[in-house]
Amino acid sequence: MTFIATMKTLTITSARQNLGAWLARAARGEEIGIISGAQVIALRPVAIAAADYAEQEYRLTKAELAKAAEKIHEEIDAAETIEFTGELRAAFASASLADQALSQPRGKAGARRNRGGKRRVASAA
């Protein structure tokens, strides 16, 4: 059994005029090619894995990506949360007080007051 696939070929100009439609057809599995000089360049979907995306988009190595993910998880774990009891005004008031506390100047040597009103020195992280 012989299978001959037919490819729709386009010039660069004609492809450019309706590129979205040609890309949609290629995504559905049609063989679409654009003639560029003596070559035909095929339009085909390409699967991208999450790790590949980070490497290509942000130029992160796998080690750098793992370190960034670890730091994000540490920040999430260390974040203070406010229990939501169903009352929006109370939740917004609590969040507003936390924002105010974070925006106050630290004073001498990076000192801040904890919830008990005692001074504490910010750790060097």
N, C-alpha and C. Protein backbone atom coordinates (compact mmCIF):
# COMPACT_ATOMS: atom_id res chain seq x y z
N MET A 1 0.85 -1.18 0.00
CA MET A 1 0.00 0.00 0.00
C MET A 1 0.89 1.23 0.00
N THR A 2 0.65 2.13 -0.90
CA THR A 2 1.42 3.35 -1.01
C THR A 2 0.56 4.53 -0.57
N PHE A 3 1.16 5.38 0.27
CA PHE A 3 0.43 6.56 0.74
C PHE A 3 1.18 7.79 0.25
N ILE A 4 0.50 8.62 -0.47
CA ILE A 4 1.10 9.86 -0.96
C ILE A 4 0.38 11.02 -0.29
N ALA A 5 1.12 11.77 0.50
CA ALA A 5 0.55 12.93 1.17
C ALA A 5 0.67 14.13 0.25
N THR A 6 -0.37 14.92 0.19
CA THR A 6 -0.29 16.14 -0.60
C THR A 6 -0.14 17.32 0.36
N MET A 7 0.71 18.23 -0.04
CA MET A 7 0.96 19.39 0.79
C MET A 7 0.52 20.63 0.03
N LYS A 8 -0.22 21.49 0.69
CA LYS A 8 -0.59 22.77 0.11
C LYS A 8 0.61 23.68 0.28
N THR A 9 1.14 24.20 -0.85
CA THR A 9 2.29 25.09 -0.77
C THR A 9 1.86 26.51 -1.10
N LEU A 10 2.48 27.45 -0.40
CA LEU A 10 2.14 28.86 -0.53
C LEU A 10 3.40 29.68 -0.72
N THR A 11 3.25 30.81 -1.36
CA THR A 11 4.36 31.76 -1.37
C THR A 11 4.36 32.50 -0.04
N ILE A 12 5.45 33.13 0.28
CA ILE A 12 5.52 33.90 1.53
C ILE A 12 4.43 34.97 1.54
N THR A 13 4.23 35.65 0.42
CA THR A 13 3.24 36.73 0.34
C THR A 13 1.83 36.21 0.59
N SER A 14 1.46 35.11 -0.06
CA SER A 14 0.10 34.58 0.13
C SER A 14 -0.08 34.01 1.53
N ALA A 15 0.96 33.42 2.10
CA ALA A 15 0.87 32.90 3.47
C ALA A 15 0.68 34.05 4.46
N ARG A 16 1.41 35.14 4.25
CA ARG A 16 1.34 36.29 5.14
C ARG A 16 -0.05 36.92 5.14
N GLN A 17 -0.71 36.93 3.99
CA GLN A 17 -2.02 37.58 3.87
C GLN A 17 -3.09 36.93 4.73
N ASN A 18 -2.98 35.63 4.98
CA ASN A 18 -4.00 34.93 5.77
C ASN A 18 -3.34 33.93 6.70
N LEU A 19 -2.29 34.37 7.37
CA LEU A 19 -1.46 33.48 8.17
C LEU A 19 -2.25 32.75 9.25
N GLY A 20 -3.14 33.45 9.94
CA GLY A 20 -3.93 32.82 11.01
C GLY A 20 -4.71 31.61 10.52
N ALA A 21 -5.33 31.74 9.36
CA ALA A 21 -6.11 30.62 8.80
C ALA A 21 -5.20 29.45 8.42
N TRP A 22 -4.03 29.76 7.83
CA TRP A 22 -3.11 28.68 7.46
C TRP A 22 -2.56 27.98 8.70
N LEU A 23 -2.27 28.74 9.75
CA LEU A 23 -1.80 28.12 11.00
C LEU A 23 -2.88 27.23 11.62
N ALA A 24 -4.12 27.69 11.57
CA ALA A 24 -5.23 26.89 12.11
C ALA A 24 -5.37 25.57 11.34
N ARG A 25 -5.25 25.64 10.02
CA ARG A 25 -5.34 24.42 9.21
C ARG A 25 -4.19 23.48 9.51
N ALA A 26 -2.99 24.03 9.69
CA ALA A 26 -1.83 23.19 10.03
C ALA A 26 -2.02 22.55 11.40
N ALA A 27 -2.59 23.30 12.33
CA ALA A 27 -2.83 22.76 13.67
C ALA A 27 -3.84 21.61 13.64
N ARG A 28 -4.75 21.64 12.68
CA ARG A 28 -5.72 20.55 12.53
C ARG A 28 -5.12 19.34 11.81
N GLY A 29 -3.87 19.44 11.38
CA GLY A 29 -3.21 18.29 10.77
C GLY A 29 -2.99 18.38 9.27
N GLU A 30 -3.43 19.45 8.64
CA GLU A 30 -3.19 19.59 7.20
C GLU A 30 -1.72 19.86 6.95
N GLU A 31 -1.22 19.36 5.83
CA GLU A 31 0.16 19.61 5.43
C GLU A 31 0.21 20.95 4.70
N ILE A 32 0.84 21.93 5.32
CA ILE A 32 0.95 23.27 4.76
C ILE A 32 2.43 23.60 4.69
N GLY A 33 2.88 24.12 3.54
CA GLY A 33 4.27 24.50 3.38
C GLY A 33 4.39 25.88 2.77
N ILE A 34 5.41 26.60 3.15
CA ILE A 34 5.67 27.92 2.60
C ILE A 34 6.97 27.83 1.80
N ILE A 35 6.92 28.29 0.55
CA ILE A 35 8.09 28.25 -0.32
C ILE A 35 8.99 29.43 0.01
N SER A 36 10.24 29.12 0.36
CA SER A 36 11.22 30.15 0.67
C SER A 36 12.48 29.83 -0.12
N GLY A 37 12.67 30.54 -1.21
CA GLY A 37 13.80 30.23 -2.09
C GLY A 37 13.60 28.88 -2.72
N ALA A 38 14.57 27.99 -2.54
CA ALA A 38 14.48 26.64 -3.10
C ALA A 38 13.94 25.63 -2.09
N GLN A 39 13.55 26.09 -0.91
CA GLN A 39 13.07 25.19 0.14
C GLN A 39 11.58 25.35 0.37
N VAL A 40 10.96 24.29 0.89
CA VAL A 40 9.58 24.36 1.38
C VAL A 40 9.66 24.17 2.88
N ILE A 41 9.17 25.15 3.61
CA ILE A 41 9.18 25.12 5.07
C ILE A 41 7.80 24.70 5.54
N ALA A 42 7.72 23.58 6.26
CA ALA A 42 6.44 23.05 6.70
C ALA A 42 5.95 23.74 7.97
N LEU A 43 4.63 23.96 8.02
CA LEU A 43 3.99 24.46 9.24
C LEU A 43 3.44 23.26 9.99
N ARG A 44 3.94 23.05 11.20
CA ARG A 44 3.48 21.92 12.01
C ARG A 44 3.46 22.33 13.47
N PRO A 45 2.49 21.82 14.22
CA PRO A 45 2.50 22.09 15.67
C PRO A 45 3.68 21.39 16.33
N VAL A 46 4.20 21.99 17.37
CA VAL A 46 5.33 21.42 18.11
C VAL A 46 4.94 21.34 19.58
N ALA A 47 5.05 20.17 20.17
CA ALA A 47 4.75 20.02 21.60
C ALA A 47 5.89 20.63 22.41
N ILE A 48 5.53 21.37 23.44
CA ILE A 48 6.53 21.99 24.30
C ILE A 48 6.28 21.51 25.73
N ALA A 49 7.32 20.95 26.34
CA ALA A 49 7.23 20.52 27.74
C ALA A 49 7.49 21.73 28.63
N ALA A 50 6.99 21.70 29.84
CA ALA A 50 7.13 22.84 30.76
C ALA A 50 8.60 23.20 30.98
N ALA A 51 9.46 22.22 31.16
CA ALA A 51 10.88 22.50 31.40
C ALA A 51 11.51 23.13 30.16
N ASP A 52 11.13 22.63 28.98
CA ASP A 52 11.64 23.22 27.75
C ASP A 52 11.21 24.68 27.63
N TYR A 53 9.96 24.95 28.01
CA TYR A 53 9.44 26.31 27.90
C TYR A 53 10.27 27.25 28.78
N ALA A 54 10.53 26.87 30.01
CA ALA A 54 11.32 27.72 30.90
C ALA A 54 12.72 27.93 30.36
N GLU A 55 13.30 26.89 29.80
CA GLU A 55 14.64 27.01 29.24
C GLU A 55 14.64 27.96 28.05
N GLN A 56 13.65 27.82 27.17
CA GLN A 56 13.61 28.64 25.97
C GLN A 56 13.17 30.07 26.28
N GLU A 57 12.13 30.22 27.06
CA GLU A 57 11.56 31.55 27.30
C GLU A 57 12.41 32.39 28.25
N TYR A 58 12.90 31.77 29.32
CA TYR A 58 13.63 32.52 30.35
C TYR A 58 15.12 32.21 30.38
N ARG A 59 15.56 31.32 29.51
CA ARG A 59 16.97 30.91 29.43
C ARG A 59 17.50 30.43 30.79
N LEU A 60 16.67 29.61 31.47
CA LEU A 60 17.07 29.01 32.74
C LEU A 60 17.55 27.59 32.50
N THR A 61 18.61 27.22 33.19
CA THR A 61 19.04 25.83 33.15
C THR A 61 18.11 25.04 34.08
N LYS A 62 18.18 23.72 34.01
CA LYS A 62 17.35 22.90 34.89
C LYS A 62 17.68 23.16 36.35
N ALA A 63 18.96 23.36 36.65
CA ALA A 63 19.37 23.64 38.03
C ALA A 63 18.82 24.99 38.50
N GLU A 64 18.90 26.00 37.63
CA GLU A 64 18.37 27.32 37.99
C GLU A 64 16.85 27.27 38.17
N LEU A 65 16.17 26.51 37.32
CA LEU A 65 14.73 26.36 37.44
C LEU A 65 14.36 25.68 38.75
N ALA A 66 15.09 24.64 39.12
CA ALA A 66 14.83 23.93 40.38
C ALA A 66 15.06 24.86 41.57
N LYS A 67 16.13 25.67 41.51
CA LYS A 67 16.42 26.62 42.60
C LYS A 67 15.33 27.67 42.71
N ALA A 68 14.85 28.18 41.57
CA ALA A 68 13.77 29.18 41.58
C ALA A 68 12.49 28.58 42.15
N ALA A 69 12.17 27.36 41.76
CA ALA A 69 10.97 26.70 42.28
C ALA A 69 11.08 26.49 43.78
N GLU A 70 12.26 26.10 44.26
CA GLU A 70 12.48 25.91 45.70
C GLU A 70 12.27 27.22 46.44
N LYS A 71 12.80 28.32 45.91
CA LYS A 71 12.67 29.62 46.55
C LYS A 71 11.20 30.05 46.59
N ILE A 72 10.48 29.83 45.51
CA ILE A 72 9.05 30.17 45.47
C ILE A 72 8.30 29.39 46.53
N HIS A 73 8.58 28.08 46.65
CA HIS A 73 7.90 27.26 47.65
C HIS A 73 8.25 27.70 49.07
N GLU A 74 9.51 28.09 49.30
CA GLU A 74 9.90 28.60 50.61
C GLU A 74 9.13 29.88 50.95
N GLU A 75 9.00 30.77 49.97
CA GLU A 75 8.27 32.02 50.20
C GLU A 75 6.80 31.76 50.48
N ILE A 76 6.22 30.81 49.77
CA ILE A 76 4.81 30.46 50.00
C ILE A 76 4.65 29.88 51.40
N ASP A 77 5.56 28.99 51.80
CA ASP A 77 5.48 28.37 53.12
C ASP A 77 5.66 29.40 54.23
N ALA A 78 6.49 30.43 54.00
CA ALA A 78 6.77 31.44 55.02
C ALA A 78 5.71 32.55 55.05
N ALA A 79 4.87 32.61 54.04
CA ALA A 79 3.90 33.70 53.94
C ALA A 79 2.86 33.60 55.06
N GLU A 80 2.48 34.75 55.55
CA GLU A 80 1.43 34.80 56.57
C GLU A 80 0.09 34.75 55.87
N THR A 81 -0.79 33.92 56.37
CA THR A 81 -2.11 33.81 55.77
C THR A 81 -3.15 34.33 56.74
N ILE A 82 -4.26 34.74 56.18
CA ILE A 82 -5.37 35.23 56.98
C ILE A 82 -6.54 34.29 56.73
N GLU A 83 -7.10 33.75 57.80
CA GLU A 83 -8.21 32.82 57.65
C GLU A 83 -9.43 33.56 57.16
N PHE A 84 -10.05 33.05 56.12
CA PHE A 84 -11.26 33.67 55.58
C PHE A 84 -12.46 32.96 56.18
N THR A 85 -13.27 33.72 56.89
CA THR A 85 -14.44 33.15 57.57
C THR A 85 -15.73 33.42 56.83
N GLY A 86 -15.63 34.02 55.65
CA GLY A 86 -16.82 34.33 54.88
C GLY A 86 -17.17 35.81 54.93
N GLU A 87 -16.50 36.57 55.79
CA GLU A 87 -16.78 38.00 55.93
C GLU A 87 -15.71 38.79 55.19
N LEU A 88 -16.08 39.39 54.07
CA LEU A 88 -15.12 40.10 53.23
C LEU A 88 -14.52 41.32 53.94
N ARG A 89 -15.34 42.09 54.65
CA ARG A 89 -14.82 43.30 55.29
C ARG A 89 -13.74 42.97 56.31
N ALA A 90 -13.93 41.92 57.07
CA ALA A 90 -12.93 41.52 58.06
C ALA A 90 -11.64 41.07 57.38
N ALA A 91 -11.77 40.34 56.29
CA ALA A 91 -10.59 39.86 55.56
C ALA A 91 -9.81 41.03 54.99
N PHE A 92 -10.51 41.99 54.39
CA PHE A 92 -9.84 43.16 53.83
C PHE A 92 -9.21 44.01 54.92
N ALA A 93 -9.86 44.13 56.07
CA ALA A 93 -9.30 44.90 57.18
C ALA A 93 -8.02 44.25 57.67
N SER A 94 -8.01 42.94 57.81
CA SER A 94 -6.81 42.23 58.25
C SER A 94 -5.68 42.39 57.25
N ALA A 95 -5.99 42.28 55.98
CA ALA A 95 -4.98 42.43 54.94
C ALA A 95 -4.45 43.86 54.92
N SER A 96 -5.32 44.83 55.13
CA SER A 96 -4.90 46.23 55.13
C SER A 96 -3.96 46.51 56.30
N LEU A 97 -4.26 45.95 57.47
CA LEU A 97 -3.39 46.15 58.64
C LEU A 97 -2.01 45.52 58.40
N ALA A 98 -1.99 44.35 57.77
CA ALA A 98 -0.71 43.69 57.47
C ALA A 98 0.09 44.53 56.48
N ASP A 99 -0.58 45.08 55.47
CA ASP A 99 0.11 45.94 54.50
C ASP A 99 0.67 47.18 55.16
N GLN A 100 -0.08 47.78 56.08
CA GLN A 100 0.38 48.97 56.79
C GLN A 100 1.62 48.66 57.62
N ALA A 101 1.60 47.52 58.29
CA ALA A 101 2.74 47.14 59.13
C ALA A 101 4.00 46.94 58.29
N LEU A 102 3.84 46.36 57.12
CA LEU A 102 5.00 46.13 56.25
C LEU A 102 5.55 47.42 55.66
N SER A 103 4.70 48.43 55.49
CA SER A 103 5.14 49.66 54.85
C SER A 103 5.72 50.68 55.82
N GLN A 104 5.66 50.42 57.16
CA GLN A 104 6.22 51.36 58.13
C GLN A 104 7.74 51.32 58.10
N PRO A 105 8.38 52.50 58.31
CA PRO A 105 9.85 52.51 58.34
C PRO A 105 10.38 51.66 59.49
N ARG A 106 11.56 51.09 59.30
CA ARG A 106 12.12 50.16 60.27
C ARG A 106 12.87 50.83 61.41
N GLY A 107 13.29 52.04 61.25
CA GLY A 107 14.02 52.71 62.33
C GLY A 107 15.46 52.27 62.40
N LYS A 108 16.05 52.31 63.62
CA LYS A 108 17.46 52.00 63.80
C LYS A 108 17.78 50.55 63.51
N ALA A 109 18.87 50.34 62.81
CA ALA A 109 19.46 49.02 62.55
C ALA A 109 18.45 48.00 62.05
N GLY A 110 17.47 48.45 61.29
CA GLY A 110 16.51 47.52 60.72
C GLY A 110 15.56 46.92 61.74
N ALA A 111 15.39 47.55 62.88
CA ALA A 111 14.53 47.00 63.92
C ALA A 111 13.07 47.17 63.57
N ARG A 112 12.27 46.17 63.93
CA ARG A 112 10.82 46.23 63.78
C ARG A 112 10.21 45.73 65.07
N ARG A 113 8.97 45.99 65.24
CA ARG A 113 8.28 45.50 66.43
C ARG A 113 7.47 44.27 66.05
N ASN A 114 7.53 43.24 66.91
CA ASN A 114 6.72 42.07 66.65
C ASN A 114 5.31 42.30 67.17
N ARG A 115 4.48 41.29 67.13
CA ARG A 115 3.09 41.46 67.54
C ARG A 115 2.94 41.79 69.01
N GLY A 116 3.91 41.41 69.81
CA GLY A 116 3.86 41.71 71.24
C GLY A 116 4.38 43.11 71.55
N GLY A 117 4.81 43.86 70.54
CA GLY A 117 5.29 45.21 70.72
C GLY A 117 6.78 45.29 71.01
N LYS A 118 7.45 44.15 71.10
CA LYS A 118 8.88 44.15 71.37
C LYS A 118 9.67 44.37 70.09
N ARG A 119 10.83 45.03 70.24
CA ARG A 119 11.67 45.26 69.07
C ARG A 119 12.37 43.97 68.67
N ARG A 120 12.50 43.79 67.38
CA ARG A 120 13.29 42.66 66.87
C ARG A 120 14.09 43.18 65.70
N VAL A 121 15.23 42.59 65.50
CA VAL A 121 16.10 43.00 64.41
C VAL A 121 15.87 42.06 63.24
N ALA A 122 15.70 42.66 62.05
CA ALA A 122 15.46 41.87 60.85
C ALA A 122 16.67 41.00 60.56
N SER A 123 16.41 39.76 60.21
CA SER A 123 17.53 38.85 59.92
C SER A 123 18.12 39.19 58.56
N ALA A 124 19.40 38.95 58.42
CA ALA A 124 20.07 39.16 57.14
C ALA A 124 19.91 37.91 56.30
N ALA A 125 19.06 37.99 55.30
CA ALA A 125 18.78 36.80 54.47
C ALA A 125 19.51 36.85 53.17
